[in-house]
Amino acid sequence: MQDYRENDELELYDTVIEGLFINHREKYISFQILKPISRIDRDGGFTYRVKKGTLKFESVIYANIPYGFEWDEWSEFYRSAVLDNSQVIDRIPVKAKENKDIKHIYLDIDYGVNYKELDIVCSNYYLRLEEQEYILHDDFDWLNEE
């Protein structure tokens, strides 16, 4: 099996995580995100033009989500992969995946100093972005319309 941990199939690199919601009853996991659309170079650094959006995983049958915060840092996606077959899928009981077209979604999150890997097995996922663009700021005021 190909090593998928260096991929970014969902093109999430540097996408900032504003929020995470897990709904056990409806079996979904949703990230509220700020996805980079373009890079803006500035004196002494850079920032991004971003769009707000939602990354949602539906009909979740397994999730390993070691989530955390680091002071004065944004949590952001680093790597991602979508797998039809994996060791994670193999460990799920047959009855749980019976008659389902499931995918293993691998996400690597950069918390600032630490990185954590997330695994989600689900039947459906999507990324929706709003139309309006914003400038992401380094002073943690988050967004500024320009």
C-alpha atoms as a PDB file:
ATOM      1  CA  MET A   1       0.000   0.000   0.000  1.00  0.00           C
ATOM      2  CA  GLN A   2       1.270   3.436  -0.948  1.00  0.00           C
ATOM      3  CA  ASP A   3       2.328   5.704   1.916  1.00  0.00           C
ATOM      4  CA  TYR A   4      -0.486   8.251   1.922  1.00  0.00           C
ATOM      5  CA  ARG A   5       0.772  10.352   4.839  1.00  0.00           C
ATOM      6  CA  GLU A   6       2.619  12.806   2.601  1.00  0.00           C
ATOM      7  CA  ASN A   7      -0.386  13.460   0.318  1.00  0.00           C
ATOM      8  CA  ASP A   8      -2.782  16.387   0.327  1.00  0.00           C
ATOM      9  CA  GLU A   9      -5.583  14.995  -1.819  1.00  0.00           C
ATOM     10  CA  LEU A  10      -8.226  17.290  -0.319  1.00  0.00           C
ATOM     11  CA  GLU A  11      -5.977  20.343  -0.920  1.00  0.00           C
ATOM     12  CA  LEU A  12      -6.285  21.477   2.686  1.00  0.00           C
ATOM     13  CA  TYR A  13      -2.690  22.587   3.328  1.00  0.00           C
ATOM     14  CA  ASP A  14      -2.687  25.640   5.653  1.00  0.00           C
ATOM     15  CA  THR A  15      -6.494  25.611   5.951  1.00  0.00           C
ATOM     16  CA  VAL A  16      -7.262  27.099   9.378  1.00  0.00           C
ATOM     17  CA  ILE A  17      -9.688  25.271  11.664  1.00  0.00           C
ATOM     18  CA  GLU A  18     -12.138  27.676  13.305  1.00  0.00           C
ATOM     19  CA  GLY A  19     -14.278  24.997  14.908  1.00  0.00           C
ATOM     20  CA  LEU A  20     -14.965  21.292  15.203  1.00  0.00           C
ATOM     21  CA  PHE A  21     -18.362  19.719  15.831  1.00  0.00           C
ATOM     22  CA  ILE A  22     -19.114  16.038  16.430  1.00  0.00           C
ATOM     23  CA  ASN A  23     -22.733  14.877  16.281  1.00  0.00           C
ATOM     24  CA  HIS A  24     -23.094  11.354  17.666  1.00  0.00           C
ATOM     25  CA  ARG A  25     -26.826  11.087  17.021  1.00  0.00           C
ATOM     26  CA  GLU A  26     -26.608  11.973  13.317  1.00  0.00           C
ATOM     27  CA  LYS A  27     -23.136  10.432  12.960  1.00  0.00           C
ATOM     28  CA  TYR A  28     -21.297  13.347  11.393  1.00  0.00           C
ATOM     29  CA  ILE A  29     -18.159  15.370  12.025  1.00  0.00           C
ATOM     30  CA  SER A  30     -17.893  18.930  10.768  1.00  0.00           C
ATOM     31  CA  PHE A  31     -14.986  21.380  10.634  1.00  0.00           C
ATOM     32  CA  GLN A  32     -15.603  25.111  10.196  1.00  0.00           C
ATOM     33  CA  ILE A  33     -12.616  26.284   8.167  1.00  0.00           C
ATOM     34  CA  LEU A  34     -10.823  29.194   6.536  1.00  0.00           C
ATOM     35  CA  LYS A  35      -9.419  27.827   3.270  1.00  0.00           C
ATOM     36  CA  PRO A  36      -6.568  29.702   1.538  1.00  0.00           C
ATOM     37  CA  ILE A  37      -7.461  30.898  -1.936  1.00  0.00           C
ATOM     38  CA  SER A  38      -4.279  32.849  -2.625  1.00  0.00           C
ATOM     39  CA  ARG A  39      -1.112  33.969  -0.885  1.00  0.00           C
ATOM     40  CA  ILE A  40      -0.485  37.670  -0.175  1.00  0.00           C
ATOM     41  CA  ASP A  41       3.165  38.648   0.302  1.00  0.00           C
ATOM     42  CA  ARG A  42       3.838  41.483   2.753  1.00  0.00           C
ATOM     43  CA  ASP A  43       6.893  43.157   4.241  1.00  0.00           C
ATOM     44  CA  GLY A  44       8.377  40.648   6.665  1.00  0.00           C
ATOM     45  CA  GLY A  45       6.024  37.813   5.808  1.00  0.00           C
ATOM     46  CA  PHE A  46       2.813  36.801   4.135  1.00  0.00           C
ATOM     47  CA  THR A  47      -0.824  36.019   4.792  1.00  0.00           C
ATOM     48  CA  TYR A  48      -3.666  34.430   2.861  1.00  0.00           C
ATOM     49  CA  ARG A  49      -6.842  35.463   1.151  1.00  0.00           C
ATOM     50  CA  VAL A  50      -9.329  32.882   2.486  1.00  0.00           C
ATOM     51  CA  LYS A  51     -12.916  31.718   2.156  1.00  0.00           C
ATOM     52  CA  LYS A  52     -14.995  30.440   5.056  1.00  0.00           C
ATOM     53  CA  GLY A  53     -16.287  26.939   4.600  1.00  0.00           C
ATOM     54  CA  THR A  54     -17.384  23.609   5.989  1.00  0.00           C
ATOM     55  CA  LEU A  55     -15.635  20.274   5.691  1.00  0.00           C
ATOM     56  CA  LYS A  56     -18.210  17.652   6.663  1.00  0.00           C
ATOM     57  CA  PHE A  57     -18.028  13.874   7.046  1.00  0.00           C
ATOM     58  CA  GLU A  58     -21.366  12.036   7.086  1.00  0.00           C
ATOM     59  CA  SER A  59     -22.421   8.502   7.999  1.00  0.00           C
ATOM     60  CA  VAL A  60     -19.307   8.147  10.143  1.00  0.00           C
ATOM     61  CA  ILE A  61     -18.680   4.611  11.394  1.00  0.00           C
ATOM     62  CA  TYR A  62     -15.252   5.218  12.970  1.00  0.00           C
ATOM     63  CA  ALA A  63     -13.232   8.241  14.040  1.00  0.00           C
ATOM     64  CA  ASN A  64      -9.993   8.757  15.934  1.00  0.00           C
ATOM     65  CA  ILE A  65      -9.766  12.463  16.715  1.00  0.00           C
ATOM     66  CA  PRO A  66      -6.922  13.507  19.031  1.00  0.00           C
ATOM     67  CA  TYR A  67      -7.670  17.227  18.943  1.00  0.00           C
ATOM     68  CA  GLY A  68      -5.963  19.968  20.907  1.00  0.00           C
ATOM     69  CA  PHE A  69      -5.037  23.636  21.208  1.00  0.00           C
ATOM     70  CA  GLU A  70      -1.735  25.429  21.535  1.00  0.00           C
ATOM     71  CA  TRP A  71      -1.537  28.934  22.935  1.00  0.00           C
ATOM     72  CA  ASP A  72      -1.071  31.689  20.349  1.00  0.00           C
ATOM     73  CA  GLU A  73      -1.350  29.252  17.421  1.00  0.00           C
ATOM     74  CA  TRP A  74      -3.965  28.394  14.835  1.00  0.00           C
ATOM     75  CA  SER A  75      -4.766  24.766  14.223  1.00  0.00           C
ATOM     76  CA  GLU A  76      -4.475  24.062  10.517  1.00  0.00           C
ATOM     77  CA  PHE A  77      -4.585  21.101   8.184  1.00  0.00           C
ATOM     78  CA  TYR A  78      -1.228  19.875   6.954  1.00  0.00           C
ATOM     79  CA  ARG A  79      -1.867  16.672   4.956  1.00  0.00           C
ATOM     80  CA  SER A  80      -4.895  14.680   3.764  1.00  0.00           C
ATOM     81  CA  ALA A  81      -5.726  11.471   1.931  1.00  0.00           C
ATOM     82  CA  VAL A  82      -8.820   9.580   0.794  1.00  0.00           C
ATOM     83  CA  LEU A  83      -8.432   5.801   0.834  1.00  0.00           C
ATOM     84  CA  ASP A  84     -10.693   3.012  -0.417  1.00  0.00           C
ATOM     85  CA  ASN A  85      -8.633   0.381   1.426  1.00  0.00           C
ATOM     86  CA  SER A  86      -6.504   0.717   4.532  1.00  0.00           C
ATOM     87  CA  GLN A  87      -5.530  -0.967   7.773  1.00  0.00           C
ATOM     88  CA  VAL A  88      -8.006   1.326   9.544  1.00  0.00           C
ATOM     89  CA  ILE A  89     -10.872   0.028   7.363  1.00  0.00           C
ATOM     90  CA  ASP A  90      -9.653  -3.564   7.866  1.00  0.00           C
ATOM     91  CA  ARG A  91      -9.990  -3.208  11.665  1.00  0.00           C
ATOM     92  CA  ILE A  92     -13.671  -2.173  11.485  1.00  0.00           C
ATOM     93  CA  PRO A  93     -16.132  -5.026  12.154  1.00  0.00           C
ATOM     94  CA  VAL A  94     -17.671  -6.471   8.977  1.00  0.00           C
ATOM     95  CA  LYS A  95     -21.215  -5.738  10.179  1.00  0.00           C
ATOM     96  CA  ALA A  96     -20.411  -2.013  10.569  1.00  0.00           C
ATOM     97  CA  LYS A  97     -19.249  -1.678   6.956  1.00  0.00           C
ATOM     98  CA  GLU A  98     -21.700  -4.133   5.375  1.00  0.00           C
ATOM     99  CA  ASN A  99     -23.485  -2.797   2.245  1.00  0.00           C
ATOM    100  CA  LYS A 100     -21.696   0.558   2.527  1.00  0.00           C
ATOM    101  CA  ASP A 101     -19.318   2.351   0.199  1.00  0.00           C
ATOM    102  CA  ILE A 102     -16.909   3.658   2.820  1.00  0.00           C
ATOM    103  CA  LYS A 103     -13.762   5.762   2.645  1.00  0.00           C
ATOM    104  CA  HIS A 104     -10.932   6.242   5.105  1.00  0.00           C
ATOM    105  CA  ILE A 105     -10.145   9.954   5.357  1.00  0.00           C
ATOM    106  CA  TYR A 106      -6.700  10.686   6.778  1.00  0.00           C
ATOM    107  CA  LEU A 107      -6.082  14.190   8.132  1.00  0.00           C
ATOM    108  CA  ASP A 108      -2.863  15.548   9.633  1.00  0.00           C
ATOM    109  CA  ILE A 109      -3.282  18.705  11.712  1.00  0.00           C
ATOM    110  CA  ASP A 110      -0.548  21.180  12.627  1.00  0.00           C
ATOM    111  CA  TYR A 111      -1.252  22.649  16.057  1.00  0.00           C
ATOM    112  CA  GLY A 112       1.800  24.933  15.997  1.00  0.00           C
ATOM    113  CA  VAL A 113       4.473  22.799  17.641  1.00  0.00           C
ATOM    114  CA  ASN A 114       2.731  19.429  17.584  1.00  0.00           C
ATOM    115  CA  TYR A 115       1.116  17.465  14.763  1.00  0.00           C
ATOM    116  CA  LYS A 116      -1.678  14.925  15.210  1.00  0.00           C
ATOM    117  CA  GLU A 117      -3.146  12.413  12.789  1.00  0.00           C
ATOM    118  CA  LEU A 118      -6.913  11.939  12.511  1.00  0.00           C
ATOM    119  CA  ASP A 119      -8.687   9.008  10.897  1.00  0.00           C
ATOM    120  CA  ILE A 120     -12.336   9.145   9.858  1.00  0.00           C
ATOM    121  CA  VAL A 121     -14.195   6.320   8.122  1.00  0.00           C
ATOM    122  CA  CYS A 122     -17.436   7.449   6.525  1.00  0.00           C
ATOM    123  CA  SER A 123     -19.747   7.022   3.552  1.00  0.00           C
ATOM    124  CA  ASN A 124     -19.845  10.641   2.426  1.00  0.00           C
ATOM    125  CA  TYR A 125     -17.827  13.828   2.762  1.00  0.00           C
ATOM    126  CA  TYR A 126     -17.825  17.262   1.163  1.00  0.00           C
ATOM    127  CA  LEU A 127     -16.184  20.679   1.259  1.00  0.00           C
ATOM    128  CA  ARG A 128     -18.352  23.782   0.770  1.00  0.00           C
ATOM    129  CA  LEU A 129     -16.930  27.287   0.541  1.00  0.00           C
ATOM    130  CA  GLU A 130     -18.749  30.603   0.818  1.00  0.00           C
ATOM    131  CA  GLU A 131     -18.352  33.132  -1.979  1.00  0.00           C
ATOM    132  CA  GLN A 132     -16.949  36.046   0.066  1.00  0.00           C
ATOM    133  CA  GLU A 133     -13.176  36.275   0.475  1.00  0.00           C
ATOM    134  CA  TYR A 134     -11.334  37.641   3.530  1.00  0.00           C
ATOM    135  CA  ILE A 135      -7.777  38.460   4.542  1.00  0.00           C
ATOM    136  CA  LEU A 136      -6.380  36.269   7.333  1.00  0.00           C
ATOM    137  CA  HIS A 137      -4.439  38.333   9.889  1.00  0.00           C
ATOM    138  CA  ASP A 138      -1.565  37.369  12.150  1.00  0.00           C
ATOM    139  CA  ASP A 139      -2.910  39.296  15.145  1.00  0.00           C
ATOM    140  CA  PHE A 140      -5.656  36.726  15.852  1.00  0.00           C
ATOM    141  CA  ASP A 141      -8.393  39.141  14.930  1.00  0.00           C
ATOM    142  CA  TRP A 142      -8.965  36.356  12.392  1.00  0.00           C
ATOM    143  CA  LEU A 143     -10.659  38.031   9.466  1.00  0.00           C
ATOM    144  CA  ASN A 144     -10.782  41.401   7.878  1.00  0.00           C
ATOM    145  CA  GLU A 145     -12.883  42.220   4.847  1.00  0.00           C
ATOM    146  CA  GLU A 146     -10.955  44.150   2.210  1.00  0.00           C
END
